[in-house]
PDB file of N, CA and C in Angstrom:
ATOM      1  N   MET A   1     -22.231 -44.748  12.772  1.00  0.00           N
ATOM      2  CA  MET A   1     -21.086 -44.737  13.660  1.00  0.00           C
ATOM      3  C   MET A   1     -19.839 -45.236  12.941  1.00  0.00           C
ATOM      4  N   GLU A   2     -20.000 -46.247  12.119  1.00  0.00           N
ATOM      5  CA  GLU A   2     -18.849 -46.811  11.421  1.00  0.00           C
ATOM      6  C   GLU A   2     -18.267 -45.817  10.417  1.00  0.00           C
ATOM      7  N   SER A   3     -19.138 -45.045   9.763  1.00  0.00           N
ATOM      8  CA  SER A   3     -18.650 -44.082   8.783  1.00  0.00           C
ATOM      9  C   SER A   3     -17.847 -42.961   9.456  1.00  0.00           C
ATOM     10  N   GLU A   4     -18.191 -42.612  10.715  1.00  0.00           N
ATOM     11  CA  GLU A   4     -17.425 -41.605  11.439  1.00  0.00           C
ATOM     12  C   GLU A   4     -16.019 -42.119  11.732  1.00  0.00           C
ATOM     13  N   GLY A   5     -15.911 -43.368  12.102  1.00  0.00           N
ATOM     14  CA  GLY A   5     -14.603 -43.970  12.361  1.00  0.00           C
ATOM     15  C   GLY A   5     -13.769 -44.064  11.099  1.00  0.00           C
ATOM     16  N   ARG A   6     -14.425 -44.406  10.004  1.00  0.00           N
ATOM     17  CA  ARG A   6     -13.719 -44.479   8.724  1.00  0.00           C
ATOM     18  C   ARG A   6     -13.225 -43.100   8.308  1.00  0.00           C
ATOM     19  N   ARG A   7     -14.064 -42.076   8.508  1.00  0.00           N
ATOM     20  CA  ARG A   7     -13.682 -40.704   8.148  1.00  0.00           C
ATOM     21  C   ARG A   7     -12.504 -40.241   8.994  1.00  0.00           C
ATOM     22  N   LEU A   8     -12.537 -40.522  10.279  1.00  0.00           N
ATOM     23  CA  LEU A   8     -11.432 -40.155  11.164  1.00  0.00           C
ATOM     24  C   LEU A   8     -10.160 -40.878  10.742  1.00  0.00           C
ATOM     25  N   GLY A   9     -10.286 -42.145  10.375  1.00  0.00           N
ATOM     26  CA  GLY A   9      -9.139 -42.908   9.906  1.00  0.00           C
ATOM     27  C   GLY A   9      -8.537 -42.310   8.647  1.00  0.00           C
ATOM     28  N   GLN A  10      -9.385 -41.879   7.724  1.00  0.00           N
ATOM     29  CA  GLN A  10      -8.893 -41.260   6.493  1.00  0.00           C
ATOM     30  C   GLN A  10      -8.175 -39.937   6.790  1.00  0.00           C
ATOM     31  N   ILE A  11      -8.729 -39.172   7.711  1.00  0.00           N
ATOM     32  CA  ILE A  11      -8.099 -37.899   8.079  1.00  0.00           C
ATOM     33  C   ILE A  11      -6.723 -38.152   8.686  1.00  0.00           C
ATOM     34  N   LEU A  12      -6.619 -39.128   9.580  1.00  0.00           N
ATOM     35  CA  LEU A  12      -5.335 -39.428  10.215  1.00  0.00           C
ATOM     36  C   LEU A  12      -4.315 -39.955   9.209  1.00  0.00           C
ATOM     37  N   VAL A  13      -4.757 -40.825   8.312  1.00  0.00           N
ATOM     38  CA  VAL A  13      -3.846 -41.349   7.291  1.00  0.00           C
ATOM     39  C   VAL A  13      -3.359 -40.220   6.394  1.00  0.00           C
ATOM     40  N   ASN A  14      -4.263 -39.331   5.964  1.00  0.00           N
ATOM     41  CA  ASN A  14      -3.867 -38.190   5.137  1.00  0.00           C
ATOM     42  C   ASN A  14      -2.872 -37.297   5.872  1.00  0.00           C
ATOM     43  N   PHE A  15      -3.109 -37.057   7.144  1.00  0.00           N
ATOM     44  CA  PHE A  15      -2.196 -36.233   7.936  1.00  0.00           C
ATOM     45  C   PHE A  15      -0.810 -36.855   7.974  1.00  0.00           C
ATOM     46  N   PHE A  16      -0.732 -38.148   8.272  1.00  0.00           N
ATOM     47  CA  PHE A  16       0.567 -38.801   8.394  1.00  0.00           C
ATOM     48  C   PHE A  16       1.293 -38.887   7.059  1.00  0.00           C
ATOM     49  N   VAL A  17       0.562 -39.099   5.976  1.00  0.00           N
ATOM     50  CA  VAL A  17       1.198 -39.126   4.655  1.00  0.00           C
ATOM     51  C   VAL A  17       1.773 -37.755   4.322  1.00  0.00           C
ATOM     52  N   ARG A  18       0.985 -36.687   4.548  1.00  0.00           N
ATOM     53  CA  ARG A  18       1.484 -35.337   4.296  1.00  0.00           C
ATOM     54  C   ARG A  18       2.668 -35.005   5.194  1.00  0.00           C
ATOM     55  N   ALA A  19       2.605 -35.427   6.464  1.00  0.00           N
ATOM     56  CA  ALA A  19       3.688 -35.128   7.404  1.00  0.00           C
ATOM     57  C   ALA A  19       4.981 -35.823   6.981  1.00  0.00           C
ATOM     58  N   VAL A  20       4.907 -37.086   6.627  1.00  0.00           N
ATOM     59  CA  VAL A  20       6.103 -37.831   6.228  1.00  0.00           C
ATOM     60  C   VAL A  20       6.678 -37.272   4.933  1.00  0.00           C
ATOM     61  N   LEU A  21       5.825 -37.023   3.948  1.00  0.00           N
ATOM     62  CA  LEU A  21       6.303 -36.459   2.685  1.00  0.00           C
ATOM     63  C   LEU A  21       6.867 -35.055   2.891  1.00  0.00           C
ATOM     64  N   GLY A  22       6.242 -34.271   3.745  1.00  0.00           N
ATOM     65  CA  GLY A  22       6.738 -32.931   4.032  1.00  0.00           C
ATOM     66  C   GLY A  22       8.101 -32.952   4.706  1.00  0.00           C
ATOM     67  N   MET A  23       8.294 -33.853   5.665  1.00  0.00           N
ATOM     68  CA  MET A  23       9.588 -33.945   6.326  1.00  0.00           C
ATOM     69  C   MET A  23      10.663 -34.434   5.364  1.00  0.00           C
ATOM     70  N   ALA A  24      10.311 -35.369   4.486  1.00  0.00           N
ATOM     71  CA  ALA A  24      11.276 -35.828   3.476  1.00  0.00           C
ATOM     72  C   ALA A  24      11.633 -34.686   2.537  1.00  0.00           C
ATOM     73  N   LEU A  25      10.649 -33.900   2.139  1.00  0.00           N
ATOM     74  CA  LEU A  25      10.896 -32.762   1.260  1.00  0.00           C
ATOM     75  C   LEU A  25      11.795 -31.736   1.955  1.00  0.00           C
ATOM     76  N   ILE A  26      11.555 -31.471   3.218  1.00  0.00           N
ATOM     77  CA  ILE A  26      12.401 -30.543   3.975  1.00  0.00           C
ATOM     78  C   ILE A  26      13.835 -31.055   4.017  1.00  0.00           C
ATOM     79  N   PHE A  27      14.003 -32.343   4.268  1.00  0.00           N
ATOM     80  CA  PHE A  27      15.348 -32.917   4.317  1.00  0.00           C
ATOM     81  C   PHE A  27      16.074 -32.730   2.990  1.00  0.00           C
ATOM     82  N   PHE A  28      15.412 -33.080   1.881  1.00  0.00           N
ATOM     83  CA  PHE A  28      16.069 -33.003   0.586  1.00  0.00           C
ATOM     84  C   PHE A  28      16.311 -31.560   0.139  1.00  0.00           C
ATOM     85  N   VAL A  29      15.390 -30.673   0.426  1.00  0.00           N
ATOM     86  CA  VAL A  29      15.598 -29.265   0.065  1.00  0.00           C
ATOM     87  C   VAL A  29      16.722 -28.673   0.907  1.00  0.00           C
ATOM     88  N   ASN A  30      16.792 -29.020   2.186  1.00  0.00           N
ATOM     89  CA  ASN A  30      17.904 -28.557   3.020  1.00  0.00           C
ATOM     90  C   ASN A  30      19.236 -29.026   2.446  1.00  0.00           C
ATOM     91  N   GLU A  31      19.295 -30.280   2.024  1.00  0.00           N
ATOM     92  CA  GLU A  31      20.532 -30.813   1.443  1.00  0.00           C
ATOM     93  C   GLU A  31      20.861 -30.121   0.121  1.00  0.00           C
ATOM     94  N   LEU A  32      19.858 -29.867  -0.700  1.00  0.00           N
ATOM     95  CA  LEU A  32      20.074 -29.178  -1.966  1.00  0.00           C
ATOM     96  C   LEU A  32      20.600 -27.767  -1.736  1.00  0.00           C
ATOM     97  N   LEU A  33      19.989 -27.041  -0.817  1.00  0.00           N
ATOM     98  CA  LEU A  33      20.445 -25.687  -0.517  1.00  0.00           C
ATOM     99  C   LEU A  33      21.850 -25.690   0.064  1.00  0.00           C
ATOM    100  N   LYS A  34      22.159 -26.687   0.895  1.00  0.00           N
ATOM    101  CA  LYS A  34      23.494 -26.806   1.480  1.00  0.00           C
ATOM    102  C   LYS A  34      24.534 -27.035   0.387  1.00  0.00           C
ATOM    103  N   SER A  35      24.215 -27.897  -0.582  1.00  0.00           N
ATOM    104  CA  SER A  35      25.168 -28.176  -1.659  1.00  0.00           C
ATOM    105  C   SER A  35      25.377 -26.964  -2.566  1.00  0.00           C
ATOM    106  N   GLN A  36      24.406 -26.061  -2.616  1.00  0.00           N
ATOM    107  CA  GLN A  36      24.516 -24.852  -3.427  1.00  0.00           C
ATOM    108  C   GLN A  36      25.135 -23.684  -2.645  1.00  0.00           C
ATOM    109  N   GLY A  37      25.424 -23.900  -1.372  1.00  0.00           N
ATOM    110  CA  GLY A  37      26.033 -22.859  -0.552  1.00  0.00           C
ATOM    111  C   GLY A  37      25.052 -21.827  -0.033  1.00  0.00           C
ATOM    112  N   ILE A  38      23.781 -22.136  -0.036  1.00  0.00           N
ATOM    113  CA  ILE A  38      22.749 -21.223   0.467  1.00  0.00           C
ATOM    114  C   ILE A  38      22.491 -21.567   1.929  1.00  0.00           C
ATOM    115  N   SER A  39      22.569 -20.573   2.791  1.00  0.00           N
ATOM    116  CA  SER A  39      22.526 -20.832   4.233  1.00  0.00           C
ATOM    117  C   SER A  39      21.122 -20.805   4.825  1.00  0.00           C
ATOM    118  N   VAL A  40      20.110 -21.080   4.046  1.00  0.00           N
ATOM    119  CA  VAL A  40      18.737 -21.122   4.560  1.00  0.00           C
ATOM    120  C   VAL A  40      18.390 -22.572   4.877  1.00  0.00           C
ATOM    121  N   ARG A  41      17.977 -22.809   6.114  1.00  0.00           N
ATOM    122  CA  ARG A  41      17.599 -24.155   6.532  1.00  0.00           C
ATOM    123  C   ARG A  41      16.280 -24.084   7.294  1.00  0.00           C
ATOM    124  N   VAL A  42      15.447 -25.080   7.089  1.00  0.00           N
ATOM    125  CA  VAL A  42      14.241 -25.244   7.894  1.00  0.00           C
ATOM    126  C   VAL A  42      14.522 -26.396   8.840  1.00  0.00           C
ATOM    127  N   GLY A  43      14.336 -26.164  10.120  1.00  0.00           N
ATOM    128  CA  GLY A  43      14.582 -27.201  11.103  1.00  0.00           C
ATOM    129  C   GLY A  43      13.562 -28.324  11.005  1.00  0.00           C
ATOM    130  N   MET A  44      13.977 -29.498  11.427  1.00  0.00           N
ATOM    131  CA  MET A  44      13.076 -30.652  11.434  1.00  0.00           C
ATOM    132  C   MET A  44      12.696 -30.904  12.892  1.00  0.00           C
ATOM    133  N   ASN A  45      11.500 -30.457  13.257  1.00  0.00           N
ATOM    134  CA  ASN A  45      11.037 -30.593  14.629  1.00  0.00           C
ATOM    135  C   ASN A  45       9.522 -30.801  14.635  1.00  0.00           C
ATOM    136  N   VAL A  46       8.938 -30.785  15.806  1.00  0.00           N
ATOM    137  CA  VAL A  46       7.507 -31.059  15.949  1.00  0.00           C
ATOM    138  C   VAL A  46       6.658 -30.004  15.234  1.00  0.00           C
ATOM    139  N   LEU A  47       7.065 -28.754  15.314  1.00  0.00           N
ATOM    140  CA  LEU A  47       6.272 -27.700  14.674  1.00  0.00           C
ATOM    141  C   LEU A  47       6.282 -27.823  13.155  1.00  0.00           C
ATOM    142  N   THR A  48       7.433 -28.150  12.576  1.00  0.00           N
ATOM    143  CA  THR A  48       7.473 -28.326  11.131  1.00  0.00           C
ATOM    144  C   THR A  48       6.731 -29.594  10.724  1.00  0.00           C
ATOM    145  N   LEU A  49       6.760 -30.611  11.567  1.00  0.00           N
ATOM    146  CA  LEU A  49       5.990 -31.829  11.303  1.00  0.00           C
ATOM    147  C   LEU A  49       4.501 -31.514  11.277  1.00  0.00           C
ATOM    148  N   LEU A  50       4.029 -30.750  12.258  1.00  0.00           N
ATOM    149  CA  LEU A  50       2.615 -30.374  12.297  1.00  0.00           C
ATOM    150  C   LEU A  50       2.238 -29.481  11.120  1.00  0.00           C
ATOM    151  N   THR A  51       3.115 -28.542  10.772  1.00  0.00           N
ATOM    152  CA  THR A  51       2.828 -27.645   9.656  1.00  0.00           C
ATOM    153  C   THR A  51       2.720 -28.418   8.350  1.00  0.00           C
ATOM    154  N   SER A  52       3.669 -29.313   8.106  1.00  0.00           N
ATOM    155  CA  SER A  52       3.617 -30.083   6.865  1.00  0.00           C
ATOM    156  C   SER A  52       2.474 -31.091   6.894  1.00  0.00           C
ATOM    157  N   GLY A  53       2.121 -31.599   8.063  1.00  0.00           N
ATOM    158  CA  GLY A  53       1.008 -32.528   8.163  1.00  0.00           C
ATOM    159  C   GLY A  53      -0.338 -31.877   7.938  1.00  0.00           C
ATOM    160  N   ILE A  54      -0.484 -30.655   8.397  1.00  0.00           N
ATOM    161  CA  ILE A  54      -1.757 -29.946   8.261  1.00  0.00           C
ATOM    162  C   ILE A  54      -1.894 -29.324   6.880  1.00  0.00           C
ATOM    163  N   PHE A  55      -0.842 -28.642   6.418  1.00  0.00           N
ATOM    164  CA  PHE A  55      -0.933 -27.874   5.175  1.00  0.00           C
ATOM    165  C   PHE A  55      -0.328 -28.576   3.961  1.00  0.00           C
ATOM    166  N   GLY A  56       0.470 -29.605   4.175  1.00  0.00           N
ATOM    167  CA  GLY A  56       1.081 -30.323   3.060  1.00  0.00           C
ATOM    168  C   GLY A  56       2.234 -29.544   2.443  1.00  0.00           C
ATOM    169  N   ILE A  57       2.426 -29.690   1.142  1.00  0.00           N
ATOM    170  CA  ILE A  57       3.527 -29.036   0.439  1.00  0.00           C
ATOM    171  C   ILE A  57       3.432 -27.509   0.514  1.00  0.00           C
ATOM    172  N   PRO A  58       2.245 -26.914   0.420  1.00  0.00           N
ATOM    173  CA  PRO A  58       2.190 -25.456   0.612  1.00  0.00           C
ATOM    174  C   PRO A  58       2.689 -25.023   1.988  1.00  0.00           C
ATOM    175  N   GLY A  59       2.494 -25.844   2.992  1.00  0.00           N
ATOM    176  CA  GLY A  59       3.017 -25.527   4.321  1.00  0.00           C
ATOM    177  C   GLY A  59       4.531 -25.550   4.354  1.00  0.00           C
ATOM    178  N   VAL A  60       5.133 -26.504   3.632  1.00  0.00           N
ATOM    179  CA  VAL A  60       6.593 -26.557   3.541  1.00  0.00           C
ATOM    180  C   VAL A  60       7.108 -25.328   2.800  1.00  0.00           C
ATOM    181  N   ALA A  61       6.424 -24.952   1.726  1.00  0.00           N
ATOM    182  CA  ALA A  61       6.814 -23.742   0.992  1.00  0.00           C
ATOM    183  C   ALA A  61       6.695 -22.511   1.893  1.00  0.00           C
ATOM    184  N   LEU A  62       5.673 -22.466   2.720  1.00  0.00           N
ATOM    185  CA  LEU A  62       5.503 -21.365   3.666  1.00  0.00           C
ATOM    186  C   LEU A  62       6.673 -21.298   4.645  1.00  0.00           C
ATOM    187  N   LEU A  63       7.115 -22.439   5.145  1.00  0.00           N
ATOM    188  CA  LEU A  63       8.252 -22.463   6.063  1.00  0.00           C
ATOM    189  C   LEU A  63       9.509 -21.924   5.400  1.00  0.00           C
ATOM    190  N   TYR A  64       9.756 -22.328   4.159  1.00  0.00           N
ATOM    191  CA  TYR A  64      10.925 -21.812   3.441  1.00  0.00           C
ATOM    192  C   TYR A  64      10.756 -20.330   3.124  1.00  0.00           C
ATOM    193  N   GLY A  65       9.554 -19.901   2.819  1.00  0.00           N
ATOM    194  CA  GLY A  65       9.307 -18.482   2.576  1.00  0.00           C
ATOM    195  C   GLY A  65       9.617 -17.654   3.802  1.00  0.00           C
ATOM    196  N   ILE A  66       9.235 -18.131   4.966  1.00  0.00           N
ATOM    197  CA  ILE A  66       9.526 -17.429   6.205  1.00  0.00           C
ATOM    198  C   ILE A  66      11.028 -17.346   6.419  1.00  0.00           C
ATOM    199  N   CYS A  67      11.734 -18.446   6.173  1.00  0.00           N
ATOM    200  CA  CYS A  67      13.197 -18.452   6.359  1.00  0.00           C
ATOM    201  C   CYS A  67      13.887 -17.506   5.378  1.00  0.00           C
ATOM    202  N   PHE A  68      13.441 -17.499   4.121  1.00  0.00           N
ATOM    203  CA  PHE A  68      14.047 -16.589   3.155  1.00  0.00           C
ATOM    204  C   PHE A  68      13.726 -15.136   3.506  1.00  0.00           C
ATOM    205  N   PHE A  69      12.529 -14.883   4.004  1.00  0.00           N
ATOM    206  CA  PHE A  69      12.148 -13.530   4.391  1.00  0.00           C
ATOM    207  C   PHE A  69      13.004 -13.021   5.548  1.00  0.00           C
ATOM    208  N   LYS A  70      13.378 -13.919   6.470  1.00  0.00           N
ATOM    209  CA  LYS A  70      14.184 -13.530   7.625  1.00  0.00           C
ATOM    210  C   LYS A  70      15.579 -13.055   7.226  1.00  0.00           C
ATOM    211  N   ILE A  71      16.114 -13.528   6.082  1.00  0.00           N
ATOM    212  CA  ILE A  71      17.471 -13.142   5.723  1.00  0.00           C
ATOM    213  C   ILE A  71      17.516 -11.849   4.908  1.00  0.00           C
ATOM    214  N   LEU A  72      16.347 -11.303   4.540  1.00  0.00           N
ATOM    215  CA  LEU A  72      16.329 -10.060   3.755  1.00  0.00           C
ATOM    216  C   LEU A  72      16.752  -8.866   4.575  1.00  0.00           C
TER     217      LEU A  72
END
């Protein structure tokens, strides 16, 4: 029983670390693109938080890929 709780704790910690790092990455990439005059932005909301928390950096790249695809 204790190992199940520990495993759940590790999963939650990993999720929150990925979510926080993903949101920070979105913020900095948005600022970088803004300074370069590129009008592609990924919003910072619950869905992007969940995407970055579940998929990590590849999820953030996926969000930017979708945004770049929309402007084609």
